[in-house]
Amino acid sequence: MIDEINFNDARFEAVMAAGWIKDLESSDSRLHKEKTIEKALMAANLGSADAQAFLFNLYEAYNPYHVFGVRQVPETEGITHAANPWPTFWALLEALRTRTITGHRARDRIQAVAQLFDSEEWNQVARRVLIKDMRCGISEKTINKVVGRTHWRVPVFTCQLAQDSAGQPTKLRGIKRLEVKLDGVRILAVVTGDVVNLYSRNGKPMDNFPQVAEAIEANRRLFQHGANMGGRFVLDGEIVGRSFQELMKQAHRKSDARTEHMVYHVFDIVPLDDFERGFWNAPQHKRLALLDRAREALTAEDLIQVMPGMDVDLDGAEGHDIMRRFAEASVEQGYEGIMIKSLDAPYQCKRVDAWMKWKPFIEVSLTVVDVEQGTGRNEGRLGALVCEGVDDGKTIRVNVGSGFSDELRDQLWQDHVGSNLVTGQVVEVRADAITQNQDGTYSMRFPRFKTFRGFEPGEKL
């Protein structure tokens, strides 16, 4: 087992692990790949050094909490009969993960270690571990399906998600915490000592916000003070920019992102060990109290802020009236809506009704100006309606690709191809918001088809 193996042991010198990768690559069959990992697990349990090295490299590559901070790692060519010192490579991974070496020192160390490995071992295994992409057609789900009950199990990155409050009045009872719902990007900040890594809610590293990471690092002691977390914790929050469009553009840039004015709003905190296991039984009010300690020391100029909120008793009509007015005021101020949180609930890494979201939607009547064929499972039928129109003085053009049943996709595509009956129809489109494009025109966020407005092209009912 992984916690029973000394990976500094000399028996991992000269081990060949690339053969296992070749076996994975030899077939696209999911069952074949599972069988390969199963064979490696059996061999590892019997003491095979090459199988243990293979599984440990998979663990390092797929563990979302192990970030090495390198994107480009050169391949080598023609090196054979090298020492292949895997303990040296794993020591390099640890130095990169803990930021013991960075910048040019990290680059030079990687290049030096690369020369110690056969090109096949380096290119097909070590290099892929460094860039966190094994390129062999498996995911952490494939690995964990085989090794899930062993210590080789790869941690899965999940976080707490909210349910929609619509249609669930019985759950809007008791003392609740109300917060505005920000129009930003959900970010989980994993803090281990003085190292801060930012992730999307799906566990994707978010490297385009270095100023936010630096602000968290500078203020990390404010959050761990009195929390007995051993310097290992996760902040849950949202990064907000001057506009949603600007934020998304910079968040996905591969280089030269301009995110220095974006602010991280923290709304929860969880010990890292509990976050990794997916549950912390500390109630919401205790977690908020930990954040309040940090709030008192932060200034308005800091790039990290603690989310404000208010408590309301929803067991009476007065509380519901307060919540309604709070929601209306939040939307008027430009927020997406509000969050409604149960103060006695724990943090669970799944979608729960302890967090509920309320946000209004908008409905706009637009004219179909074009029809696009679908791809993948929608090939040969409707993919999206291209819609245009004017709403409240705003010229909107948007592709609407959701909200259709399979039968409706088939019917609309037949109507379009056969008689061109779709173009010119007026449709009701539901969306979260109208958004402005860079060229001054407008689109819609998360548009979905609701219904046709009339029976004839251009007719509104």
Protein backbone atom coordinates (compact mmCIF):
# COMPACT_ATOMS: atom_id res chain seq x y z
CA MET A 1 0.00 0.00 0.00
CA ILE A 2 1.10 3.54 -0.72
CA ASP A 3 1.54 4.53 2.94
CA GLU A 4 3.56 1.38 3.63
CA ILE A 5 6.11 1.93 0.85
CA ASN A 6 9.34 3.86 1.21
CA PHE A 7 9.63 5.63 -2.12
CA ASN A 8 13.16 6.70 -1.27
CA ASP A 9 14.18 3.05 -1.28
CA ALA A 10 17.07 2.15 -3.60
CA ARG A 11 14.95 -0.57 -5.21
CA PHE A 12 13.20 2.18 -7.20
CA GLU A 13 16.48 3.02 -8.94
CA ALA A 14 16.55 1.81 -12.56
CA VAL A 15 12.87 0.82 -12.46
CA MET A 16 11.09 0.83 -15.85
CA ALA A 17 7.53 2.19 -15.69
CA ALA A 18 6.87 3.13 -19.33
CA GLY A 19 5.72 -0.39 -20.21
CA TRP A 20 2.53 0.10 -18.20
CA ILE A 21 1.79 3.33 -20.07
CA LYS A 22 2.35 1.56 -23.39
CA ASP A 23 -0.11 -1.11 -22.29
CA LEU A 24 -2.71 1.55 -21.48
CA GLU A 25 -2.15 3.21 -24.85
CA SER A 26 -2.39 -0.05 -26.79
CA SER A 27 -6.19 -0.06 -26.77
CA ASP A 28 -8.99 2.48 -26.53
CA SER A 29 -11.14 -0.04 -24.70
CA ARG A 30 -12.15 1.09 -21.24
CA LEU A 31 -12.18 -2.50 -20.03
CA HIS A 32 -8.62 -3.00 -21.32
CA LYS A 33 -7.42 0.03 -19.43
CA GLU A 34 -9.13 -1.11 -16.25
CA LYS A 35 -7.55 -4.56 -16.65
CA THR A 36 -4.12 -2.96 -17.06
CA ILE A 37 -4.50 -1.00 -13.83
CA GLU A 38 -5.86 -4.13 -12.13
CA LYS A 39 -2.76 -6.09 -13.20
CA ALA A 40 -0.53 -3.30 -11.88
CA LEU A 41 -2.39 -3.30 -8.56
CA MET A 42 -1.97 -7.06 -8.17
CA ALA A 43 1.72 -6.82 -9.04
CA ALA A 44 2.22 -3.89 -6.67
CA ASN A 45 0.62 -5.82 -3.81
CA LEU A 46 3.06 -8.65 -4.52
CA GLY A 47 5.98 -6.24 -4.20
CA SER A 48 6.72 -5.33 -7.83
CA ALA A 49 8.80 -2.14 -7.83
CA ASP A 50 7.91 -1.20 -11.40
CA ALA A 51 4.16 -1.61 -10.72
CA GLN A 52 4.44 0.43 -7.52
CA ALA A 53 6.36 3.13 -9.36
CA PHE A 54 3.72 3.17 -12.11
CA LEU A 55 0.83 3.49 -9.64
CA PHE A 56 2.61 6.15 -7.61
CA ASN A 57 3.25 8.18 -10.75
CA LEU A 58 -0.44 7.91 -11.62
CA TYR A 59 -1.29 9.09 -8.11
CA GLU A 60 0.97 12.12 -8.49
CA ALA A 61 -0.33 12.96 -11.96
CA TYR A 62 -4.03 12.71 -11.13
CA ASN A 63 -3.99 14.05 -7.56
CA PRO A 64 -5.61 17.49 -7.99
CA TYR A 65 -4.01 18.80 -4.80
CA HIS A 66 -0.47 18.19 -6.07
CA VAL A 67 0.32 21.15 -8.33
CA PHE A 68 3.81 21.43 -9.80
CA GLY A 69 3.50 24.82 -11.47
CA VAL A 70 5.08 23.90 -14.81
CA ARG A 71 3.38 23.95 -18.19
CA GLN A 72 6.16 23.27 -20.65
CA VAL A 73 8.59 20.44 -20.03
CA PRO A 74 10.99 19.47 -22.83
CA GLU A 75 11.23 15.95 -24.16
CA THR A 76 14.61 14.26 -24.49
CA GLU A 77 15.92 12.20 -27.38
CA GLY A 78 18.24 9.23 -27.68
CA ILE A 79 19.05 8.68 -23.99
CA THR A 80 19.27 4.97 -23.13
CA HIS A 81 20.71 2.84 -20.33
CA ALA A 82 20.36 5.75 -17.89
CA ALA A 83 20.06 5.41 -14.12
CA ASN A 84 16.28 6.10 -14.07
CA PRO A 85 16.38 7.23 -10.41
CA TRP A 86 12.69 7.55 -9.56
CA PRO A 87 13.35 8.67 -5.96
CA THR A 88 15.24 11.65 -7.41
CA PHE A 89 12.27 12.46 -9.66
CA TRP A 90 9.78 12.19 -6.80
CA ALA A 91 11.96 14.49 -4.71
CA LEU A 92 11.77 16.96 -7.60
CA LEU A 93 7.96 16.72 -7.58
CA GLU A 94 7.88 17.46 -3.85
CA ALA A 95 10.19 20.46 -4.25
CA LEU A 96 7.97 21.84 -7.01
CA ARG A 97 4.76 21.13 -5.10
CA THR A 98 5.98 22.91 -1.97
CA ARG A 99 7.52 25.76 -4.01
CA THR A 100 10.95 24.95 -2.55
CA ILE A 101 12.29 25.64 -6.02
CA THR A 102 10.64 27.97 -8.51
CA GLY A 103 11.44 29.96 -11.62
CA HIS A 104 14.79 29.40 -13.27
CA ARG A 105 15.95 27.07 -10.50
CA ALA A 106 12.95 24.82 -11.16
CA ARG A 107 13.56 24.90 -14.90
CA ASP A 108 17.23 24.04 -14.52
CA ARG A 109 16.50 21.26 -12.05
CA ILE A 110 13.92 19.70 -14.35
CA GLN A 111 16.37 19.75 -17.24
CA ALA A 112 19.08 18.16 -15.07
CA VAL A 113 16.80 15.38 -13.83
CA ALA A 114 15.61 14.70 -17.38
CA GLN A 115 19.16 13.71 -18.34
CA LEU A 116 19.13 10.96 -15.69
CA PHE A 117 16.32 9.02 -17.41
CA ASP A 118 15.99 6.98 -20.55
CA SER A 119 14.14 9.12 -23.08
CA GLU A 120 11.30 6.59 -23.15
CA GLU A 121 10.86 6.71 -19.37
CA TRP A 122 11.13 10.50 -19.28
CA ASN A 123 8.90 11.27 -22.26
CA GLN A 124 6.17 8.72 -21.56
CA VAL A 125 6.04 8.85 -17.78
CA ALA A 126 8.01 11.50 -15.87
CA ARG A 127 7.36 14.40 -18.24
CA ARG A 128 3.65 13.60 -18.36
CA VAL A 129 3.46 13.54 -14.57
CA LEU A 130 5.04 17.01 -14.44
CA ILE A 131 2.52 18.50 -16.87
CA LYS A 132 -0.33 16.58 -15.19
CA ASP A 133 -1.38 14.90 -18.42
CA MET A 134 -0.63 11.19 -18.82
CA ARG A 135 -2.17 11.12 -22.32
CA CYS A 136 -3.18 7.48 -22.04
CA GLY A 137 -6.96 7.78 -22.15
CA ILE A 138 -7.80 7.39 -18.48
CA SER A 139 -9.22 9.65 -15.79
CA GLU A 140 -9.18 9.55 -12.02
CA LYS A 141 -12.54 7.76 -12.24
CA THR A 142 -10.95 4.96 -14.25
CA ILE A 143 -8.15 4.64 -11.71
CA ASN A 144 -10.42 4.76 -8.68
CA LYS A 145 -12.81 2.19 -10.13
CA VAL A 146 -9.97 -0.31 -9.74
CA VAL A 147 -8.01 1.01 -6.74
CA GLY A 148 -10.79 2.90 -4.94
CA ARG A 149 -10.76 0.70 -1.87
CA THR A 150 -6.97 0.85 -1.48
CA HIS A 151 -4.53 3.54 -0.43
CA TRP A 152 -3.72 4.10 -4.09
CA ARG A 153 -7.04 5.91 -4.46
CA VAL A 154 -6.69 9.32 -6.11
CA PRO A 155 -8.43 12.21 -4.27
CA VAL A 156 -11.41 13.62 -6.17
CA PHE A 157 -11.91 17.37 -6.09
CA THR A 158 -15.48 18.37 -5.19
CA CYS A 159 -17.09 21.22 -3.28
CA GLN A 160 -20.45 22.15 -1.82
CA LEU A 161 -23.05 23.23 -4.39
CA ALA A 162 -26.40 24.93 -3.97
CA GLN A 163 -29.88 23.79 -4.93
CA ASP A 164 -32.40 26.05 -6.60
CA SER A 165 -34.95 27.39 -4.13
CA ALA A 166 -37.70 27.55 -6.77
CA GLY A 167 -40.57 25.24 -5.90
CA GLN A 168 -39.18 24.29 -2.49
CA PRO A 169 -41.06 26.52 -0.02
CA THR A 170 -41.01 23.90 2.76
CA LYS A 171 -37.22 24.18 2.93
CA LEU A 172 -37.31 27.94 3.44
CA ARG A 173 -37.89 27.67 7.18
CA GLY A 174 -35.93 28.53 10.31
CA ILE A 175 -33.01 30.90 10.77
CA LYS A 176 -31.19 31.44 7.48
CA ARG A 177 -28.17 33.39 6.34
CA LEU A 178 -28.79 35.66 3.35
CA GLU A 179 -25.97 36.72 1.05
CA VAL A 180 -25.90 38.33 -2.37
CA LYS A 181 -25.12 35.97 -5.25
CA LEU A 182 -22.05 37.34 -6.99
CA ASP A 183 -21.61 37.39 -10.75
CA GLY A 184 -18.13 35.89 -10.86
CA VAL A 185 -16.08 32.70 -10.98
CA ARG A 186 -16.23 30.16 -8.15
CA ILE A 187 -12.72 29.64 -6.79
CA LEU A 188 -11.43 27.24 -4.13
CA ALA A 189 -8.16 28.38 -2.55
CA VAL A 190 -6.20 25.45 -1.10
CA VAL A 191 -3.71 26.63 1.51
CA THR A 192 -0.92 24.33 2.73
CA GLY A 193 1.52 26.24 4.90
CA ASP A 194 2.70 29.18 2.82
CA VAL A 195 1.64 27.62 -0.50
CA VAL A 196 -1.64 28.73 -2.09
CA ASN A 197 -3.22 27.03 -5.12
CA LEU A 198 -6.43 28.23 -6.76
CA TYR A 199 -8.92 25.84 -8.37
CA SER A 200 -12.22 26.01 -10.20
CA ARG A 201 -15.11 24.20 -8.58
CA ASN A 202 -14.26 21.18 -10.78
CA GLY A 203 -10.66 21.03 -9.60
CA LYS A 204 -9.05 22.75 -12.57
CA PRO A 205 -6.02 24.84 -11.53
CA MET A 206 -6.72 28.55 -12.01
CA ASP A 207 -3.32 30.16 -12.51
CA ASN A 208 -4.48 33.48 -13.93
CA PHE A 209 -5.08 35.15 -10.57
CA PRO A 210 -1.58 35.42 -9.03
CA GLN A 211 -2.42 38.64 -7.18
CA VAL A 212 -5.32 36.92 -5.42
CA ALA A 213 -3.10 33.97 -4.48
CA GLU A 214 -0.52 36.40 -3.09
CA ALA A 215 -3.18 38.24 -1.09
CA ILE A 216 -4.37 34.96 0.43
CA GLU A 217 -0.80 33.97 1.26
CA ALA A 218 -0.18 37.32 2.92
CA ASN A 219 -3.35 37.01 5.02
CA ARG A 220 -3.47 33.27 5.60
CA ARG A 221 -2.80 33.57 9.34
CA LEU A 222 -5.97 35.62 9.74
CA PHE A 223 -8.03 32.63 8.64
CA GLN A 224 -6.21 29.87 10.49
CA HIS A 225 -5.94 31.79 13.76
CA GLY A 226 -7.67 29.79 16.48
CA ALA A 227 -9.07 27.30 13.97
CA ASN A 228 -6.69 24.40 14.77
CA MET A 229 -6.25 23.60 11.09
CA GLY A 230 -2.49 23.20 11.16
CA GLY A 231 -2.04 25.71 8.37
CA ARG A 232 -3.95 23.43 5.94
CA PHE A 233 -7.35 24.74 4.89
CA VAL A 234 -9.57 25.64 1.95
CA LEU A 235 -11.24 28.98 1.34
CA ASP A 236 -14.42 28.84 -0.72
CA GLY A 237 -15.43 31.97 -2.58
CA GLU A 238 -15.93 33.88 -5.80
CA ILE A 239 -13.60 36.10 -7.82
CA VAL A 240 -15.32 39.16 -9.27
CA GLY A 241 -14.04 41.56 -11.90
CA ARG A 242 -15.26 44.85 -13.31
CA SER A 243 -17.59 42.89 -15.59
CA PHE A 244 -18.43 39.23 -16.10
CA GLN A 245 -17.21 39.35 -19.70
CA GLU A 246 -13.84 40.78 -18.70
CA LEU A 247 -13.51 38.23 -15.92
CA MET A 248 -14.18 35.24 -18.17
CA LYS A 249 -11.89 36.55 -20.91
CA GLN A 250 -8.96 36.93 -18.52
CA ALA A 251 -9.69 33.74 -16.57
CA HIS A 252 -9.26 31.59 -19.69
CA ARG A 253 -6.27 33.33 -21.24
CA LYS A 254 -3.26 31.06 -21.64
CA SER A 255 -0.80 33.88 -20.97
CA ASP A 256 -0.58 37.57 -20.06
CA ALA A 257 -3.87 37.63 -18.14
CA ARG A 258 -4.76 41.04 -16.64
CA THR A 259 -6.41 40.19 -13.34
CA GLU A 260 -4.72 42.55 -10.92
CA HIS A 261 -7.95 44.43 -10.06
CA MET A 262 -10.09 41.37 -9.44
CA VAL A 263 -11.24 40.64 -5.88
CA TYR A 264 -11.75 37.31 -4.12
CA HIS A 265 -14.86 37.23 -1.90
CA VAL A 266 -14.65 34.42 0.67
CA PHE A 267 -17.87 32.86 1.95
CA ASP A 268 -16.68 29.64 3.61
CA ILE A 269 -13.67 27.87 5.13
CA VAL A 270 -12.94 24.14 5.62
CA PRO A 271 -9.90 22.25 6.96
CA LEU A 272 -8.07 20.65 4.04
CA ASP A 273 -8.25 17.12 5.45
CA ASP A 274 -12.03 17.42 5.84
CA PHE A 275 -12.39 18.98 2.40
CA GLU A 276 -10.52 16.06 0.85
CA ARG A 277 -12.84 13.55 2.53
CA GLY A 278 -15.83 15.64 1.44
CA PHE A 279 -17.38 16.55 4.79
CA TRP A 280 -16.83 18.86 7.78
CA ASN A 281 -19.39 18.65 10.55
CA ALA A 282 -18.78 22.20 11.81
CA PRO A 283 -22.07 24.10 11.35
CA GLN A 284 -22.33 27.10 9.06
CA HIS A 285 -22.47 29.59 11.94
CA LYS A 286 -19.16 28.31 13.32
CA ARG A 287 -17.51 28.61 9.91
CA LEU A 288 -18.86 32.14 9.55
CA ALA A 289 -17.44 33.04 12.97
CA LEU A 290 -13.99 31.97 11.78
CA LEU A 291 -14.34 34.22 8.74
CA ASP A 292 -15.54 37.14 10.87
CA ARG A 293 -12.18 37.13 12.67
CA ALA A 294 -10.45 37.67 9.37
CA ARG A 295 -12.96 40.27 8.22
CA GLU A 296 -12.05 42.56 11.11
CA ALA A 297 -8.39 42.72 10.02
CA LEU A 298 -8.94 43.15 6.27
CA THR A 299 -9.27 46.56 4.64
CA ALA A 300 -11.40 47.68 1.72
CA GLU A 301 -8.24 47.86 -0.44
CA ASP A 302 -7.36 44.19 0.02
CA LEU A 303 -7.90 41.83 -2.93
CA ILE A 304 -9.46 39.35 -0.54
CA GLN A 305 -12.71 40.16 1.23
CA VAL A 306 -15.10 38.24 3.48
CA MET A 307 -18.66 38.05 2.20
CA PRO A 308 -21.16 40.03 4.30
CA GLY A 309 -24.64 38.74 5.01
CA MET A 310 -27.63 38.91 7.30
CA ASP A 311 -29.60 36.43 9.38
CA VAL A 312 -33.37 36.19 9.03
CA ASP A 313 -36.06 34.04 10.63
CA LEU A 314 -38.15 32.46 7.88
CA ASP A 315 -40.68 30.88 10.25
CA GLY A 316 -42.87 33.96 9.95
CA ALA A 317 -44.27 36.23 7.25
CA GLU A 318 -42.05 39.10 8.36
CA GLY A 319 -38.90 37.07 7.67
CA HIS A 320 -40.09 36.14 4.18
CA ASP A 321 -40.88 39.78 3.49
CA ILE A 322 -37.34 40.73 4.57
CA MET A 323 -35.90 38.05 2.29
CA ARG A 324 -38.01 39.22 -0.65
CA ARG A 325 -36.93 42.84 -0.21
CA PHE A 326 -33.30 41.76 0.20
CA ALA A 327 -33.51 39.75 -3.02
CA GLU A 328 -35.14 42.57 -4.97
CA ALA A 329 -32.58 45.08 -3.73
CA SER A 330 -29.72 42.71 -4.61
CA VAL A 331 -30.94 42.33 -8.18
CA GLU A 332 -31.43 46.10 -8.52
CA GLN A 333 -27.79 46.54 -7.45
CA GLY A 334 -26.64 44.24 -10.26
CA TYR A 335 -26.17 40.96 -8.39
CA GLU A 336 -27.35 37.62 -9.82
CA GLY A 337 -29.71 37.02 -6.92
CA ILE A 338 -29.22 35.78 -3.37
CA MET A 339 -27.93 32.76 -1.47
CA ILE A 340 -29.95 31.26 1.39
CA LYS A 341 -27.89 29.20 3.85
CA SER A 342 -28.82 27.02 6.83
CA LEU A 343 -26.81 28.08 9.87
CA ASP A 344 -26.77 24.66 11.53
CA ALA A 345 -25.70 22.65 8.47
CA PRO A 346 -22.24 21.11 7.91
CA TYR A 347 -20.09 21.55 4.79
CA GLN A 348 -20.65 18.70 2.34
CA CYS A 349 -18.91 18.33 -1.00
CA LYS A 350 -22.04 17.76 -3.06
CA ARG A 351 -25.23 19.60 -4.03
CA VAL A 352 -27.27 20.17 -0.87
CA ASP A 353 -30.31 22.14 0.24
CA ALA A 354 -28.28 23.65 3.09
CA TRP A 355 -27.32 26.18 0.43
CA MET A 356 -30.11 27.41 -1.80
CA LYS A 357 -29.94 29.98 -4.55
CA TRP A 358 -32.60 32.39 -5.68
CA LYS A 359 -32.15 34.37 -8.82
CA PRO A 360 -34.62 35.84 -11.27
CA PHE A 361 -34.67 34.89 -14.90
CA ILE A 362 -35.61 36.99 -17.85
CA GLU A 363 -37.71 36.09 -20.87
CA VAL A 364 -37.25 37.85 -24.20
CA SER A 365 -39.10 37.43 -27.50
CA LEU A 366 -36.64 37.04 -30.39
CA THR A 367 -36.90 36.17 -34.07
CA VAL A 368 -35.22 33.08 -35.53
CA VAL A 369 -32.84 34.26 -38.27
CA ASP A 370 -30.97 31.00 -38.89
CA VAL A 371 -30.93 27.34 -37.91
CA GLU A 372 -27.78 25.35 -37.13
CA GLN A 373 -27.42 21.59 -37.42
CA GLY A 374 -26.19 19.83 -34.33
CA THR A 375 -23.03 17.82 -33.80
CA GLY A 376 -22.31 14.61 -31.92
CA ARG A 377 -25.56 13.08 -30.65
CA ASN A 378 -27.49 15.92 -32.32
CA GLU A 379 -26.01 15.42 -35.78
CA GLY A 380 -28.77 15.33 -38.37
CA ARG A 381 -31.15 17.40 -36.30
CA LEU A 382 -31.42 20.83 -34.69
CA GLY A 383 -28.36 22.06 -32.85
CA ALA A 384 -29.33 25.67 -32.16
CA LEU A 385 -31.63 28.49 -33.22
CA VAL A 386 -29.84 31.72 -34.11
CA CYS A 387 -32.08 34.45 -32.74
CA GLU A 388 -32.12 38.23 -33.02
CA GLY A 389 -34.27 41.02 -31.69
CA VAL A 390 -34.49 44.21 -29.68
CA ASP A 391 -35.38 44.29 -25.99
CA ASP A 392 -35.44 47.48 -23.95
CA GLY A 393 -33.40 49.24 -26.63
CA LYS A 394 -30.74 46.51 -26.72
CA THR A 395 -30.04 44.66 -29.97
CA ILE A 396 -29.61 40.99 -29.05
CA ARG A 397 -28.15 38.15 -31.11
CA VAL A 398 -27.79 34.78 -29.47
CA ASN A 399 -27.53 31.06 -30.28
CA VAL A 400 -30.12 29.09 -28.34
CA GLY A 401 -29.11 25.44 -28.09
CA SER A 402 -30.85 24.14 -24.97
CA GLY A 403 -34.42 23.65 -23.83
CA PHE A 404 -35.40 21.31 -26.68
CA SER A 405 -36.58 17.72 -26.40
CA ASP A 406 -35.12 15.19 -28.82
CA GLU A 407 -38.46 15.01 -30.61
CA LEU A 408 -38.61 18.79 -31.01
CA ARG A 409 -35.05 18.88 -32.38
CA ASP A 410 -36.02 16.30 -35.01
CA GLN A 411 -39.23 18.11 -35.91
CA LEU A 412 -37.67 21.58 -36.19
CA TRP A 413 -34.82 20.30 -38.35
CA GLN A 414 -37.26 18.57 -40.68
CA ASP A 415 -39.41 21.72 -40.85
CA HIS A 416 -36.33 23.81 -41.61
CA VAL A 417 -34.85 21.53 -44.26
CA GLY A 418 -38.15 20.60 -45.87
CA SER A 419 -40.11 23.86 -45.93
CA ASN A 420 -38.03 26.53 -44.16
CA LEU A 421 -40.84 26.93 -41.63
CA VAL A 422 -38.60 27.85 -38.69
CA THR A 423 -36.79 30.98 -39.87
CA GLY A 424 -38.86 34.05 -39.08
CA GLN A 425 -40.71 32.47 -36.17
CA VAL A 426 -40.78 34.33 -32.87
CA VAL A 427 -39.57 32.37 -29.86
CA GLU A 428 -39.58 33.08 -26.17
CA VAL A 429 -36.05 32.71 -24.80
CA ARG A 430 -35.39 32.37 -21.09
CA ALA A 431 -31.96 33.34 -19.72
CA ASP A 432 -30.18 34.41 -16.58
CA ALA A 433 -29.28 37.87 -17.88
CA ILE A 434 -28.64 40.04 -20.90
CA THR A 435 -24.91 40.58 -21.39
CA GLN A 436 -23.00 43.11 -23.46
CA ASN A 437 -20.41 42.02 -26.01
CA GLN A 438 -17.14 43.76 -26.73
CA ASP A 439 -18.56 45.33 -29.91
CA GLY A 440 -21.46 46.93 -28.05
CA THR A 441 -24.07 44.40 -29.11
CA TYR A 442 -25.85 42.18 -26.63
CA SER A 443 -26.23 38.48 -25.96
CA MET A 444 -27.78 36.37 -23.20
CA ARG A 445 -26.25 34.25 -20.46
CA PHE A 446 -27.40 30.61 -20.42
CA PRO A 447 -30.20 31.06 -23.00
CA ARG A 448 -32.77 28.28 -23.28
CA PHE A 449 -35.78 27.82 -25.50
CA LYS A 450 -39.15 28.17 -23.81
CA THR A 451 -41.81 28.26 -26.51
CA PHE A 452 -42.90 29.68 -29.84
CA ARG A 453 -44.90 32.88 -29.53
CA GLY A 454 -47.16 32.48 -32.56
CA PHE A 455 -48.29 30.20 -35.33
CA GLU A 456 -46.97 32.22 -38.24
CA PRO A 457 -43.57 33.84 -38.84
CA GLY A 458 -43.38 37.19 -37.07
CA GLU A 459 -46.56 36.59 -35.08
CA LYS A 460 -46.58 37.36 -31.34
CA LEU A 461 -49.28 36.16 -29.01
